[in-house]
Amino acid sequence: MKLETRDFGEIRVVSVGDSRIDAAVAVEFRDAMREVTSDGPPTVVLDLSNVVFLDSSGLGAVVAAMKQAAPERRLELAGLQPMVEKVFRLTRMDSVFRIHQNTEGVGQGSAHVG
């Protein structure tokens, strides 16, 4: 699972390089997220703009990443593709996560994303 991180002041953007977060990579994703959120800024924005498929295992891994980061860090999401957004909406996880349209504006002096 390829994750790329960039820090912009109080925000760390974690971009997922893979197009799928499913049962085959869920544990690897969760472990990689633990590694990149164990330190750093208090807000982590998970950029899912490359992810076109997320199943229940993938959703569970994203939720696990949120729980692992807390309470020191808050996990937010950005760039949800239509099918991924549908999973979050149908499971009502869109009410649990702060979801941004994209990561535009991160690192340009704004504390808010997209």
PDB file of N, CA and C in Angstrom:
ATOM      1  N   MET A   1       0.856  -1.176   0.000  1.00  0.00           N
ATOM      2  CA  MET A   1       0.000   0.000   0.000  1.00  0.00           C
ATOM      3  C   MET A   1       0.894   1.229   0.000  1.00  0.00           C
ATOM      4  N   LYS A   2       0.775   2.030  -1.031  1.00  0.00           N
ATOM      5  CA  LYS A   2       1.601   3.227  -1.152  1.00  0.00           C
ATOM      6  C   LYS A   2       0.842   4.439  -0.589  1.00  0.00           C
ATOM      7  N   LEU A   3       1.426   5.050   0.444  1.00  0.00           N
ATOM      8  CA  LEU A   3       0.885   6.271   1.021  1.00  0.00           C
ATOM      9  C   LEU A   3       1.945   7.358   0.916  1.00  0.00           C
ATOM     10  N   GLU A   4       1.545   8.513   0.447  1.00  0.00           N
ATOM     11  CA  GLU A   4       2.453   9.656   0.359  1.00  0.00           C
ATOM     12  C   GLU A   4       1.978  10.705   1.347  1.00  0.00           C
ATOM     13  N   THR A   5       2.908  11.249   2.135  1.00  0.00           N
ATOM     14  CA  THR A   5       2.531  12.254   3.125  1.00  0.00           C
ATOM     15  C   THR A   5       3.189  13.587   2.819  1.00  0.00           C
ATOM     16  N   ARG A   6       2.443  14.652   3.109  1.00  0.00           N
ATOM     17  CA  ARG A   6       2.955  16.024   3.014  1.00  0.00           C
ATOM     18  C   ARG A   6       2.403  16.790   4.202  1.00  0.00           C
ATOM     19  N   ASP A   7       3.261  17.531   4.871  1.00  0.00           N
ATOM     20  CA  ASP A   7       2.837  18.345   6.006  1.00  0.00           C
ATOM     21  C   ASP A   7       2.740  19.804   5.600  1.00  0.00           C
ATOM     22  N   PHE A   8       1.645  20.430   6.022  1.00  0.00           N
ATOM     23  CA  PHE A   8       1.405  21.852   5.793  1.00  0.00           C
ATOM     24  C   PHE A   8       0.992  22.460   7.127  1.00  0.00           C
ATOM     25  N   GLY A   9       1.963  22.895   7.910  1.00  0.00           N
ATOM     26  CA  GLY A   9       1.652  23.476   9.216  1.00  0.00           C
ATOM     27  C   GLY A   9       0.981  22.472  10.123  1.00  0.00           C
ATOM     28  N   GLU A  10      -0.267  22.738  10.476  1.00  0.00           N
ATOM     29  CA  GLU A  10      -1.025  21.899  11.402  1.00  0.00           C
ATOM     30  C   GLU A  10      -1.761  20.754  10.710  1.00  0.00           C
ATOM     31  N   ILE A  11      -1.478  20.535   9.417  1.00  0.00           N
ATOM     32  CA  ILE A  11      -2.189  19.512   8.652  1.00  0.00           C
ATOM     33  C   ILE A  11      -1.199  18.577   7.970  1.00  0.00           C
ATOM     34  N   ARG A  12      -1.467  17.283   8.074  1.00  0.00           N
ATOM     35  CA  ARG A  12      -0.722  16.279   7.309  1.00  0.00           C
ATOM     36  C   ARG A  12      -1.695  15.689   6.290  1.00  0.00           C
ATOM     37  N   VAL A  13      -1.328  15.770   5.018  1.00  0.00           N
ATOM     38  CA  VAL A  13      -2.124  15.153   3.961  1.00  0.00           C
ATOM     39  C   VAL A  13      -1.504  13.801   3.644  1.00  0.00           C
ATOM     40  N   VAL A  14      -2.320  12.763   3.698  1.00  0.00           N
ATOM     41  CA  VAL A  14      -1.891  11.405   3.371  1.00  0.00           C
ATOM     42  C   VAL A  14      -2.645  10.995   2.113  1.00  0.00           C
ATOM     43  N   SER A  15      -1.904  10.813   1.020  1.00  0.00           N
ATOM     44  CA  SER A  15      -2.518  10.432  -0.250  1.00  0.00           C
ATOM     45  C   SER A  15      -2.344   8.940  -0.489  1.00  0.00           C
ATOM     46  N   VAL A  16      -3.451   8.293  -0.853  1.00  0.00           N
ATOM     47  CA  VAL A  16      -3.436   6.864  -1.160  1.00  0.00           C
ATOM     48  C   VAL A  16      -3.113   6.715  -2.643  1.00  0.00           C
ATOM     49  N   GLY A  17      -2.081   5.940  -2.956  1.00  0.00           N
ATOM     50  CA  GLY A  17      -1.671   5.749  -4.339  1.00  0.00           C
ATOM     51  C   GLY A  17      -2.443   4.660  -5.059  1.00  0.00           C
ATOM     52  N   ASP A  18      -3.036   3.731  -4.311  1.00  0.00           N
ATOM     53  CA  ASP A  18      -3.758   2.617  -4.907  1.00  0.00           C
ATOM     54  C   ASP A  18      -5.177   3.021  -5.297  1.00  0.00           C
ATOM     55  N   SER A  19      -5.766   2.273  -6.217  1.00  0.00           N
ATOM     56  CA  SER A  19      -7.125   2.582  -6.675  1.00  0.00           C
ATOM     57  C   SER A  19      -8.187   1.828  -5.880  1.00  0.00           C
ATOM     58  N   ARG A  20      -7.756   0.891  -5.030  1.00  0.00           N
ATOM     59  CA  ARG A  20      -8.703   0.097  -4.257  1.00  0.00           C
ATOM     60  C   ARG A  20      -8.241  -0.038  -2.808  1.00  0.00           C
ATOM     61  N   ILE A  21      -9.201   0.039  -1.910  1.00  0.00           N
ATOM     62  CA  ILE A  21      -8.961  -0.355  -0.520  1.00  0.00           C
ATOM     63  C   ILE A  21     -10.020  -1.411  -0.234  1.00  0.00           C
ATOM     64  N   ASP A  22      -9.604  -2.659  -0.296  1.00  0.00           N
ATOM     65  CA  ASP A  22     -10.527  -3.776  -0.137  1.00  0.00           C
ATOM     66  C   ASP A  22      -9.923  -4.813   0.801  1.00  0.00           C
ATOM     67  N   ALA A  23     -10.574  -5.960   0.892  1.00  0.00           N
ATOM     68  CA  ALA A  23     -10.126  -7.006   1.823  1.00  0.00           C
ATOM     69  C   ALA A  23      -8.683  -7.417   1.583  1.00  0.00           C
ATOM     70  N   ALA A  24      -8.230  -7.370   0.337  1.00  0.00           N
ATOM     71  CA  ALA A  24      -6.873  -7.797   0.007  1.00  0.00           C
ATOM     72  C   ALA A  24      -5.799  -6.883   0.585  1.00  0.00           C
ATOM     73  N   VAL A  25      -6.127  -5.606   0.815  1.00  0.00           N
ATOM     74  CA  VAL A  25      -5.115  -4.656   1.285  1.00  0.00           C
ATOM     75  C   VAL A  25      -5.507  -3.932   2.575  1.00  0.00           C
ATOM     76  N   ALA A  26      -6.652  -4.271   3.157  1.00  0.00           N
ATOM     77  CA  ALA A  26      -7.161  -3.537   4.315  1.00  0.00           C
ATOM     78  C   ALA A  26      -6.186  -3.542   5.496  1.00  0.00           C
ATOM     79  N   VAL A  27      -5.619  -4.687   5.819  1.00  0.00           N
ATOM     80  CA  VAL A  27      -4.687  -4.774   6.952  1.00  0.00           C
ATOM     81  C   VAL A  27      -3.419  -3.982   6.647  1.00  0.00           C
ATOM     82  N   GLU A  28      -2.921  -4.100   5.429  1.00  0.00           N
ATOM     83  CA  GLU A  28      -1.735  -3.352   5.019  1.00  0.00           C
ATOM     84  C   GLU A  28      -1.997  -1.841   5.077  1.00  0.00           C
ATOM     85  N   PHE A  29      -3.182  -1.418   4.631  1.00  0.00           N
ATOM     86  CA  PHE A  29      -3.562  -0.009   4.690  1.00  0.00           C
ATOM     87  C   PHE A  29      -3.608   0.473   6.137  1.00  0.00           C
ATOM     88  N   ARG A  30      -4.272  -0.290   6.992  1.00  0.00           N
ATOM     89  CA  ARG A  30      -4.394   0.094   8.405  1.00  0.00           C
ATOM     90  C   ARG A  30      -3.018   0.240   9.055  1.00  0.00           C
ATOM     91  N   ASP A  31      -2.123  -0.705   8.785  1.00  0.00           N
ATOM     92  CA  ASP A  31      -0.783  -0.654   9.357  1.00  0.00           C
ATOM     93  C   ASP A  31       0.010   0.535   8.816  1.00  0.00           C
ATOM     94  N   ALA A  32      -0.119   0.806   7.519  1.00  0.00           N
ATOM     95  CA  ALA A  32       0.578   1.947   6.919  1.00  0.00           C
ATOM     96  C   ALA A  32       0.047   3.264   7.490  1.00  0.00           C
ATOM     97  N   MET A  33      -1.260   3.331   7.708  1.00  0.00           N
ATOM     98  CA  MET A  33      -1.843   4.542   8.296  1.00  0.00           C
ATOM     99  C   MET A  33      -1.353   4.737   9.732  1.00  0.00           C
ATOM    100  N   ARG A  34      -1.228   3.651  10.481  1.00  0.00           N
ATOM    101  CA  ARG A  34      -0.723   3.753  11.859  1.00  0.00           C
ATOM    102  C   ARG A  34       0.670   4.369  11.841  1.00  0.00           C
ATOM    103  N   GLU A  35       1.481   3.919  10.905  1.00  0.00           N
ATOM    104  CA  GLU A  35       2.852   4.408  10.801  1.00  0.00           C
ATOM    105  C   GLU A  35       2.896   5.905  10.472  1.00  0.00           C
ATOM    106  N   VAL A  36       2.074   6.361   9.532  1.00  0.00           N
ATOM    107  CA  VAL A  36       2.159   7.769   9.105  1.00  0.00           C
ATOM    108  C   VAL A  36       1.367   8.722   9.997  1.00  0.00           C
ATOM    109  N   THR A  37       0.555   8.186  10.923  1.00  0.00           N
ATOM    110  CA  THR A  37      -0.187   9.066  11.830  1.00  0.00           C
ATOM    111  C   THR A  37       0.295   8.963  13.272  1.00  0.00           C
ATOM    112  N   SER A  38       1.380   8.238  13.502  1.00  0.00           N
ATOM    113  CA  SER A  38       1.866   8.064  14.877  1.00  0.00           C
ATOM    114  C   SER A  38       2.514   9.328  15.429  1.00  0.00           C
ATOM    115  N   ASP A  39       2.833  10.261  14.553  1.00  0.00           N
ATOM    116  CA  ASP A  39       3.400  11.540  14.981  1.00  0.00           C
ATOM    117  C   ASP A  39       2.937  12.612  14.004  1.00  0.00           C
ATOM    118  N   GLY A  40       3.355  13.826  14.248  1.00  0.00           N
ATOM    119  CA  GLY A  40       3.054  14.892  13.299  1.00  0.00           C
ATOM    120  C   GLY A  40       1.898  15.774  13.718  1.00  0.00           C
ATOM    121  N   PRO A  41       1.380  16.527  12.751  1.00  0.00           N
ATOM    122  CA  PRO A  41       0.342  17.528  13.017  1.00  0.00           C
ATOM    123  C   PRO A  41      -0.949  16.924  13.587  1.00  0.00           C
ATOM    124  N   PRO A  42      -1.756  17.766  14.248  1.00  0.00           N
ATOM    125  CA  PRO A  42      -2.974  17.286  14.893  1.00  0.00           C
ATOM    126  C   PRO A  42      -4.102  16.922  13.929  1.00  0.00           C
ATOM    127  N   THR A  43      -4.049  17.412  12.697  1.00  0.00           N
ATOM    128  CA  THR A  43      -5.083  17.078  11.717  1.00  0.00           C
ATOM    129  C   THR A  43      -4.459  16.289  10.578  1.00  0.00           C
ATOM    130  N   VAL A  44      -5.066  15.142  10.281  1.00  0.00           N
ATOM    131  CA  VAL A  44      -4.634  14.309   9.166  1.00  0.00           C
ATOM    132  C   VAL A  44      -5.777  14.272   8.160  1.00  0.00           C
ATOM    133  N   VAL A  45      -5.474  14.652   6.923  1.00  0.00           N
ATOM    134  CA  VAL A  45      -6.467  14.599   5.858  1.00  0.00           C
ATOM    135  C   VAL A  45      -6.088  13.448   4.936  1.00  0.00           C
ATOM    136  N   LEU A  46      -6.948  12.442   4.877  1.00  0.00           N
ATOM    137  CA  LEU A  46      -6.722  11.281   4.029  1.00  0.00           C
ATOM    138  C   LEU A  46      -7.288  11.575   2.646  1.00  0.00           C
ATOM    139  N   ASP A  47      -6.389  11.718   1.678  1.00  0.00           N
ATOM    140  CA  ASP A  47      -6.767  12.035   0.301  1.00  0.00           C
ATOM    141  C   ASP A  47      -7.073  10.732  -0.437  1.00  0.00           C
ATOM    142  N   LEU A  48      -8.356  10.513  -0.716  1.00  0.00           N
ATOM    143  CA  LEU A  48      -8.800   9.290  -1.368  1.00  0.00           C
ATOM    144  C   LEU A  48      -9.125   9.521  -2.846  1.00  0.00           C
ATOM    145  N   SER A  49      -8.597  10.572  -3.434  1.00  0.00           N
ATOM    146  CA  SER A  49      -8.955  10.920  -4.812  1.00  0.00           C
ATOM    147  C   SER A  49      -8.544   9.862  -5.833  1.00  0.00           C
ATOM    148  N   ASN A  50      -7.560   9.020  -5.525  1.00  0.00           N
ATOM    149  CA  ASN A  50      -7.152   7.943  -6.437  1.00  0.00           C
ATOM    150  C   ASN A  50      -7.949   6.658  -6.222  1.00  0.00           C
ATOM    151  N   VAL A  51      -8.699   6.590  -5.134  1.00  0.00           N
ATOM    152  CA  VAL A  51      -9.408   5.362  -4.766  1.00  0.00           C
ATOM    153  C   VAL A  51     -10.792   5.348  -5.427  1.00  0.00           C
ATOM    154  N   VAL A  52     -11.008   4.352  -6.285  1.00  0.00           N
ATOM    155  CA  VAL A  52     -12.299   4.241  -6.978  1.00  0.00           C
ATOM    156  C   VAL A  52     -13.161   3.123  -6.404  1.00  0.00           C
ATOM    157  N   PHE A  53     -12.577   2.278  -5.545  1.00  0.00           N
ATOM    158  CA  PHE A  53     -13.338   1.181  -4.945  1.00  0.00           C
ATOM    159  C   PHE A  53     -12.941   1.003  -3.496  1.00  0.00           C
ATOM    160  N   LEU A  54     -13.952   0.922  -2.630  1.00  0.00           N
ATOM    161  CA  LEU A  54     -13.745   0.701  -1.198  1.00  0.00           C
ATOM    162  C   LEU A  54     -14.846  -0.241  -0.735  1.00  0.00           C
ATOM    163  N   ASP A  55     -14.467  -1.403  -0.201  1.00  0.00           N
ATOM    164  CA  ASP A  55     -15.485  -2.330   0.302  1.00  0.00           C
ATOM    165  C   ASP A  55     -15.600  -2.205   1.822  1.00  0.00           C
ATOM    166  N   SER A  56     -16.367  -3.100   2.433  1.00  0.00           N
ATOM    167  CA  SER A  56     -16.580  -3.007   3.882  1.00  0.00           C
ATOM    168  C   SER A  56     -15.282  -3.197   4.662  1.00  0.00           C
ATOM    169  N   SER A  57     -14.375  -4.015   4.159  1.00  0.00           N
ATOM    170  CA  SER A  57     -13.078  -4.183   4.821  1.00  0.00           C
ATOM    171  C   SER A  57     -12.269  -2.897   4.739  1.00  0.00           C
ATOM    172  N   GLY A  58     -12.326  -2.244   3.595  1.00  0.00           N
ATOM    173  CA  GLY A  58     -11.643  -0.966   3.419  1.00  0.00           C
ATOM    174  C   GLY A  58     -12.228   0.099   4.328  1.00  0.00           C
ATOM    175  N   LEU A  59     -13.553   0.127   4.416  1.00  0.00           N
ATOM    176  CA  LEU A  59     -14.217   1.083   5.302  1.00  0.00           C
ATOM    177  C   LEU A  59     -13.795   0.829   6.747  1.00  0.00           C
ATOM    178  N   GLY A  60     -13.754  -0.437   7.131  1.00  0.00           N
ATOM    179  CA  GLY A  60     -13.314  -0.781   8.480  1.00  0.00           C
ATOM    180  C   GLY A  60     -11.887  -0.340   8.748  1.00  0.00           C
ATOM    181  N   ALA A  61     -11.037  -0.439   7.735  1.00  0.00           N
ATOM    182  CA  ALA A  61      -9.644  -0.007   7.886  1.00  0.00           C
ATOM    183  C   ALA A  61      -9.545   1.508   8.038  1.00  0.00           C
ATOM    184  N   VAL A  62     -10.382   2.250   7.335  1.00  0.00           N
ATOM    185  CA  VAL A  62     -10.391   3.711   7.469  1.00  0.00           C
ATOM    186  C   VAL A  62     -10.879   4.093   8.867  1.00  0.00           C
ATOM    187  N   VAL A  63     -11.916   3.431   9.339  1.00  0.00           N
ATOM    188  CA  VAL A  63     -12.420   3.690  10.697  1.00  0.00           C
ATOM    189  C   VAL A  63     -11.357   3.325  11.729  1.00  0.00           C
ATOM    190  N   ALA A  64     -10.672   2.203  11.529  1.00  0.00           N
ATOM    191  CA  ALA A  64      -9.600   1.800  12.451  1.00  0.00           C
ATOM    192  C   ALA A  64      -8.491   2.844  12.464  1.00  0.00           C
ATOM    193  N   ALA A  65      -8.173   3.419  11.294  1.00  0.00           N
ATOM    194  CA  ALA A  65      -7.147   4.466  11.220  1.00  0.00           C
ATOM    195  C   ALA A  65      -7.575   5.692  12.009  1.00  0.00           C
ATOM    196  N   MET A  66      -8.867   6.025  11.945  1.00  0.00           N
ATOM    197  CA  MET A  66      -9.384   7.159  12.713  1.00  0.00           C
ATOM    198  C   MET A  66      -9.231   6.895  14.211  1.00  0.00           C
ATOM    199  N   LYS A  67      -9.574   5.689  14.646  1.00  0.00           N
ATOM    200  CA  LYS A  67      -9.493   5.342  16.068  1.00  0.00           C
ATOM    201  C   LYS A  67      -8.043   5.295  16.544  1.00  0.00           C
ATOM    202  N   GLN A  68      -7.138   4.802  15.689  1.00  0.00           N
ATOM    203  CA  GLN A  68      -5.715   4.747  16.040  1.00  0.00           C
ATOM    204  C   GLN A  68      -5.137   6.142  16.214  1.00  0.00           C
ATOM    205  N   ALA A  69      -5.573   7.079  15.399  1.00  0.00           N
ATOM    206  CA  ALA A  69      -5.031   8.440  15.428  1.00  0.00           C
ATOM    207  C   ALA A  69      -5.522   9.207  16.656  1.00  0.00           C
ATOM    208  N   ALA A  70      -6.732   8.908  17.104  1.00  0.00           N
ATOM    209  CA  ALA A  70      -7.329   9.626  18.228  1.00  0.00           C
ATOM    210  C   ALA A  70      -6.644   9.217  19.531  1.00  0.00           C
ATOM    211  N   PRO A  71      -6.639  10.061  20.540  1.00  0.00           N
ATOM    212  CA  PRO A  71      -7.219  11.400  20.570  1.00  0.00           C
ATOM    213  C   PRO A  71      -6.249  12.507  20.143  1.00  0.00           C
ATOM    214  N   GLU A  72      -4.995  12.139  19.892  1.00  0.00           N
ATOM    215  CA  GLU A  72      -4.005  13.170  19.553  1.00  0.00           C
ATOM    216  C   GLU A  72      -4.247  13.795  18.183  1.00  0.00           C
ATOM    217  N   ARG A  73      -4.803  13.019  17.262  1.00  0.00           N
ATOM    218  CA  ARG A  73      -4.994  13.496  15.893  1.00  0.00           C
ATOM    219  C   ARG A  73      -6.416  13.240  15.427  1.00  0.00           C
ATOM    220  N   ARG A  74      -6.894  14.141  14.577  1.00  0.00           N
ATOM    221  CA  ARG A  74      -8.227  13.998  13.987  1.00  0.00           C
ATOM    222  C   ARG A  74      -8.049  13.604  12.524  1.00  0.00           C
ATOM    223  N   LEU A  75      -8.744  12.556  12.091  1.00  0.00           N
ATOM    224  CA  LEU A  75      -8.681  12.103  10.708  1.00  0.00           C
ATOM    225  C   LEU A  75      -9.869  12.653   9.937  1.00  0.00           C
ATOM    226  N   GLU A  76      -9.576  13.352   8.840  1.00  0.00           N
ATOM    227  CA  GLU A  76     -10.594  13.869   7.933  1.00  0.00           C
ATOM    228  C   GLU A  76     -10.346  13.252   6.564  1.00  0.00           C
ATOM    229  N   LEU A  77     -11.336  13.319   5.703  1.00  0.00           N
ATOM    230  CA  LEU A  77     -11.242  12.711   4.378  1.00  0.00           C
ATOM    231  C   LEU A  77     -11.382  13.761   3.293  1.00  0.00           C
ATOM    232  N   ALA A  78     -10.806  13.474   2.135  1.00  0.00           N
ATOM    233  CA  ALA A  78     -10.917  14.395   0.995  1.00  0.00           C
ATOM    234  C   ALA A  78     -10.885  13.610  -0.311  1.00  0.00           C
ATOM    235  N   GLY A  79     -11.502  14.190  -1.338  1.00  0.00           N
ATOM    236  CA  GLY A  79     -11.414  13.650  -2.691  1.00  0.00           C
ATOM    237  C   GLY A  79     -12.135  12.343  -2.919  1.00  0.00           C
ATOM    238  N   LEU A  80     -13.273  12.142  -2.258  1.00  0.00           N
ATOM    239  CA  LEU A  80     -13.997  10.884  -2.428  1.00  0.00           C
ATOM    240  C   LEU A  80     -14.597  10.778  -3.829  1.00  0.00           C
ATOM    241  N   GLN A  81     -14.260   9.696  -4.512  1.00  0.00           N
ATOM    242  CA  GLN A  81     -14.842   9.403  -5.813  1.00  0.00           C
ATOM    243  C   GLN A  81     -16.288   8.938  -5.599  1.00  0.00           C
ATOM    244  N   PRO A  82     -17.138   9.018  -6.623  1.00  0.00           N
ATOM    245  CA  PRO A  82     -18.568   8.717  -6.441  1.00  0.00           C
ATOM    246  C   PRO A  82     -18.885   7.390  -5.755  1.00  0.00           C
ATOM    247  N   MET A  83     -18.235   6.307  -6.155  1.00  0.00           N
ATOM    248  CA  MET A  83     -18.539   5.008  -5.530  1.00  0.00           C
ATOM    249  C   MET A  83     -18.061   4.950  -4.075  1.00  0.00           C
ATOM    250  N   VAL A  84     -16.953   5.584  -3.790  1.00  0.00           N
ATOM    251  CA  VAL A  84     -16.435   5.625  -2.418  1.00  0.00           C
ATOM    252  C   VAL A  84     -17.331   6.503  -1.554  1.00  0.00           C
ATOM    253  N   GLU A  85     -17.729   7.641  -2.088  1.00  0.00           N
ATOM    254  CA  GLU A  85     -18.630   8.534  -1.364  1.00  0.00           C
ATOM    255  C   GLU A  85     -19.948   7.824  -1.044  1.00  0.00           C
ATOM    256  N   LYS A  86     -20.428   7.012  -1.970  1.00  0.00           N
ATOM    257  CA  LYS A  86     -21.673   6.275  -1.764  1.00  0.00           C
ATOM    258  C   LYS A  86     -21.554   5.321  -0.582  1.00  0.00           C
ATOM    259  N   VAL A  87     -20.412   4.650  -0.449  1.00  0.00           N
ATOM    260  CA  VAL A  87     -20.190   3.742   0.686  1.00  0.00           C
ATOM    261  C   VAL A  87     -20.271   4.516   2.000  1.00  0.00           C
ATOM    262  N   PHE A  88     -19.626   5.675   2.053  1.00  0.00           N
ATOM    263  CA  PHE A  88     -19.655   6.480   3.278  1.00  0.00           C
ATOM    264  C   PHE A  88     -21.061   6.998   3.567  1.00  0.00           C
ATOM    265  N   ARG A  89     -21.790   7.373   2.529  1.00  0.00           N
ATOM    266  CA  ARG A  89     -23.144   7.892   2.704  1.00  0.00           C
ATOM    267  C   ARG A  89     -24.101   6.784   3.152  1.00  0.00           C
ATOM    268  N   LEU A  90     -24.050   5.617   2.489  1.00  0.00           N
ATOM    269  CA  LEU A  90     -24.958   4.518   2.817  1.00  0.00           C
ATOM    270  C   LEU A  90     -24.744   3.969   4.222  1.00  0.00           C
ATOM    271  N   THR A  91     -23.520   4.019   4.695  1.00  0.00           N
ATOM    272  CA  THR A  91     -23.212   3.518   6.037  1.00  0.00           C
ATOM    273  C   THR A  91     -23.300   4.622   7.091  1.00  0.00           C
ATOM    274  N   ARG A  92     -23.661   5.816   6.639  1.00  0.00           N
ATOM    275  CA  ARG A  92     -23.765   7.003   7.500  1.00  0.00           C
ATOM    276  C   ARG A  92     -22.432   7.413   8.130  1.00  0.00           C
ATOM    277  N   MET A  93     -21.347   6.907   7.588  1.00  0.00           N
ATOM    278  CA  MET A  93     -20.036   7.303   8.080  1.00  0.00           C
ATOM    279  C   MET A  93     -19.701   8.719   7.619  1.00  0.00           C
ATOM    280  N   ASP A  94     -20.486   9.244   6.689  1.00  0.00           N
ATOM    281  CA  ASP A  94     -20.291  10.635   6.275  1.00  0.00           C
ATOM    282  C   ASP A  94     -20.651  11.599   7.399  1.00  0.00           C
ATOM    283  N   SER A  95     -21.370  11.101   8.401  1.00  0.00           N
ATOM    284  CA  SER A  95     -21.686  11.944   9.562  1.00  0.00           C
ATOM    285  C   SER A  95     -20.622  11.814  10.652  1.00  0.00           C
ATOM    286  N   VAL A  96     -19.732  10.838  10.515  1.00  0.00           N
ATOM    287  CA  VAL A  96     -18.664  10.619  11.488  1.00  0.00           C
ATOM    288  C   VAL A  96     -17.402  11.385  11.093  1.00  0.00           C
ATOM    289  N   PHE A  97     -17.111  11.381   9.788  1.00  0.00           N
ATOM    290  CA  PHE A  97     -15.916  12.032   9.268  1.00  0.00           C
ATOM    291  C   PHE A  97     -16.243  13.403   8.704  1.00  0.00           C
ATOM    292  N   ARG A  98     -15.329  14.337   8.883  1.00  0.00           N
ATOM    293  CA  ARG A  98     -15.401  15.598   8.143  1.00  0.00           C
ATOM    294  C   ARG A  98     -14.859  15.285   6.750  1.00  0.00           C
ATOM    295  N   ILE A  99     -15.661  15.576   5.725  1.00  0.00           N
ATOM    296  CA  ILE A  99     -15.291  15.230   4.361  1.00  0.00           C
ATOM    297  C   ILE A  99     -15.154  16.508   3.536  1.00  0.00           C
ATOM    298  N   HIS A 100     -13.992  16.641   2.898  1.00  0.00           N
ATOM    299  CA  HIS A 100     -13.697  17.783   2.045  1.00  0.00           C
ATOM    300  C   HIS A 100     -13.798  17.365   0.585  1.00  0.00           C
ATOM    301  N   GLN A 101     -14.164  18.298  -0.262  1.00  0.00           N
ATOM    302  CA  GLN A 101     -14.264  17.997  -1.684  1.00  0.00           C
ATOM    303  C   GLN A 101     -12.904  17.585  -2.254  1.00  0.00           C
ATOM    304  N   ASN A 102     -11.844  18.292  -1.834  1.00  0.00           N
ATOM    305  CA  ASN A 102     -10.493  17.992  -2.306  1.00  0.00           C
ATOM    306  C   ASN A 102      -9.496  18.566  -1.299  1.00  0.00           C
ATOM    307  N   THR A 103      -8.217  18.498  -1.617  1.00  0.00           N
ATOM    308  CA  THR A 103      -7.189  19.019  -0.709  1.00  0.00           C
ATOM    309  C   THR A 103      -6.670  20.378  -1.163  1.00  0.00           C
ATOM    310  N   GLU A 104      -7.335  20.985  -2.119  1.00  0.00           N
ATOM    311  CA  GLU A 104      -6.911  22.291  -2.615  1.00  0.00           C
ATOM    312  C   GLU A 104      -6.876  23.309  -1.482  1.00  0.00           C
ATOM    313  N   GLY A 105      -5.829  24.088  -1.441  1.00  0.00           N
ATOM    314  CA  GLY A 105      -5.697  25.119  -0.421  1.00  0.00           C
ATOM    315  C   GLY A 105      -4.891  24.703   0.796  1.00  0.00           C
ATOM    316  N   VAL A 106      -4.616  23.408   0.939  1.00  0.00           N
ATOM    317  CA  VAL A 106      -3.819  22.933   2.064  1.00  0.00           C
ATOM    318  C   VAL A 106      -2.416  23.512   1.938  1.00  0.00           C
ATOM    319  N   GLY A 107      -1.912  24.047   3.015  1.00  0.00           N
ATOM    320  CA  GLY A 107      -0.558  24.569   3.023  1.00  0.00           C
ATOM    321  C   GLY A 107      -0.445  25.991   2.516  1.00  0.00           C
ATOM    322  N   GLN A 108      -1.570  26.627   2.251  1.00  0.00           N
ATOM    323  CA  GLN A 108      -1.539  28.004   1.767  1.00  0.00           C
ATOM    324  C   GLN A 108      -2.019  28.959   2.853  1.00  0.00           C
ATOM    325  N   GLY A 109      -1.677  28.607   4.090  1.00  0.00           N
ATOM    326  CA  GLY A 109      -1.995  29.481   5.200  1.00  0.00           C
ATOM    327  C   GLY A 109      -3.397  29.307   5.764  1.00  0.00           C
ATOM    328  N   SER A 110      -4.170  28.415   5.205  1.00  0.00           N
ATOM    329  CA  SER A 110      -5.526  28.198   5.676  1.00  0.00           C
ATOM    330  C   SER A 110      -5.564  26.968   6.561  1.00  0.00           C
ATOM    331  N   ALA A 111      -6.334  27.048   7.639  1.00  0.00           N
ATOM    332  CA  ALA A 111      -6.495  25.902   8.510  1.00  0.00           C
ATOM    333  C   ALA A 111      -7.577  24.962   7.970  1.00  0.00           C
ATOM    334  N   HIS A 112      -8.300  25.412   6.981  1.00  0.00           N
ATOM    335  CA  HIS A 112      -9.382  24.599   6.395  1.00  0.00           C
ATOM    336  C   HIS A 112      -8.926  24.014   5.064  1.00  0.00           C
ATOM    337  N   VAL A 113      -9.498  22.884   4.724  1.00  0.00           N
ATOM    338  CA  VAL A 113      -9.128  22.187   3.498  1.00  0.00           C
ATOM    339  C   VAL A 113     -10.258  22.328   2.484  1.00  0.00           C
ATOM    340  N   GLY A 114      -9.835  22.517   1.206  1.00  0.00           N
ATOM    341  CA  GLY A 114     -10.755  22.519   0.074  1.00  0.00           C
ATOM    342  C   GLY A 114     -11.933  23.292   0.250  1.00  0.00           C
TER     343      GLY A 114
END
